[in-house]
Amino acid sequence: MPLTKDFKDTIKARAERDPEFRAGLFREAVEAMLSDDLETG
């Protein structure tokens, strides 16, 4: 399912202002890639 631009903008804006959220996104991406889920990571 494609993401809407509004959702992408919302996530980007929060990541820019919230370092804990940004770190969480990074952590989840690394864990997904280590679990061999490259599409999600």
C-alpha atoms as a PDB file:
ATOM      1  CA  MET A   1       0.000   0.000   0.000  1.00  0.00           C
ATOM      2  CA  PRO A   2       1.570   3.334  -0.986  1.00  0.00           C
ATOM      3  CA  LEU A   3       2.000   5.910   1.729  1.00  0.00           C
ATOM      4  CA  THR A   4       0.380   9.290   1.331  1.00  0.00           C
ATOM      5  CA  LYS A   5       2.553  12.343   1.119  1.00  0.00           C
ATOM      6  CA  ASP A   6       0.950  13.764   4.252  1.00  0.00           C
ATOM      7  CA  PHE A   7       2.037  10.724   6.290  1.00  0.00           C
ATOM      8  CA  LYS A   8       5.594  10.919   4.948  1.00  0.00           C
ATOM      9  CA  ASP A   9       5.751  14.644   5.725  1.00  0.00           C
ATOM     10  CA  THR A  10       4.424  14.035   9.240  1.00  0.00           C
ATOM     11  CA  ILE A  11       7.064  11.396   9.977  1.00  0.00           C
ATOM     12  CA  LYS A  12       9.837  13.516   8.472  1.00  0.00           C
ATOM     13  CA  ALA A  13       8.827  16.577  10.491  1.00  0.00           C
ATOM     14  CA  ARG A  14       8.743  14.600  13.742  1.00  0.00           C
ATOM     15  CA  ALA A  15      12.116  12.992  13.015  1.00  0.00           C
ATOM     16  CA  GLU A  16      13.612  16.426  12.404  1.00  0.00           C
ATOM     17  CA  ARG A  17      12.462  17.777  15.774  1.00  0.00           C
ATOM     18  CA  ASP A  18      12.597  14.667  18.007  1.00  0.00           C
ATOM     19  CA  PRO A  19      15.990  12.980  18.448  1.00  0.00           C
ATOM     20  CA  GLU A  20      14.513  10.049  20.412  1.00  0.00           C
ATOM     21  CA  PHE A  21      12.018   9.340  17.638  1.00  0.00           C
ATOM     22  CA  ARG A  22      14.821   9.554  15.052  1.00  0.00           C
ATOM     23  CA  ALA A  23      16.939   7.090  17.044  1.00  0.00           C
ATOM     24  CA  GLY A  24      13.959   4.743  17.341  1.00  0.00           C
ATOM     25  CA  LEU A  25      13.403   4.783  13.588  1.00  0.00           C
ATOM     26  CA  PHE A  26      17.073   4.012  13.011  1.00  0.00           C
ATOM     27  CA  ARG A  27      17.071   1.205  15.590  1.00  0.00           C
ATOM     28  CA  GLU A  28      13.980  -0.385  14.024  1.00  0.00           C
ATOM     29  CA  ALA A  29      15.498  -0.173  10.539  1.00  0.00           C
ATOM     30  CA  VAL A  30      18.735  -1.841  11.661  1.00  0.00           C
ATOM     31  CA  GLU A  31      16.830  -4.587  13.507  1.00  0.00           C
ATOM     32  CA  ALA A  32      14.691  -5.231  10.416  1.00  0.00           C
ATOM     33  CA  MET A  33      17.766  -5.542   8.209  1.00  0.00           C
ATOM     34  CA  LEU A  34      19.496  -7.849  10.700  1.00  0.00           C
ATOM     35  CA  SER A  35      16.345  -9.999  10.657  1.00  0.00           C
ATOM     36  CA  ASP A  36      16.718 -10.268   6.863  1.00  0.00           C
ATOM     37  CA  ASP A  37      13.743  -7.969   6.218  1.00  0.00           C
ATOM     38  CA  LEU A  38      15.536  -5.696   3.785  1.00  0.00           C
ATOM     39  CA  GLU A  39      12.369  -4.194   2.308  1.00  0.00           C
ATOM     40  CA  THR A  40      11.264  -2.860   5.691  1.00  0.00           C
ATOM     41  CA  GLY A  41      14.772  -1.904   6.767  1.00  0.00           C
END
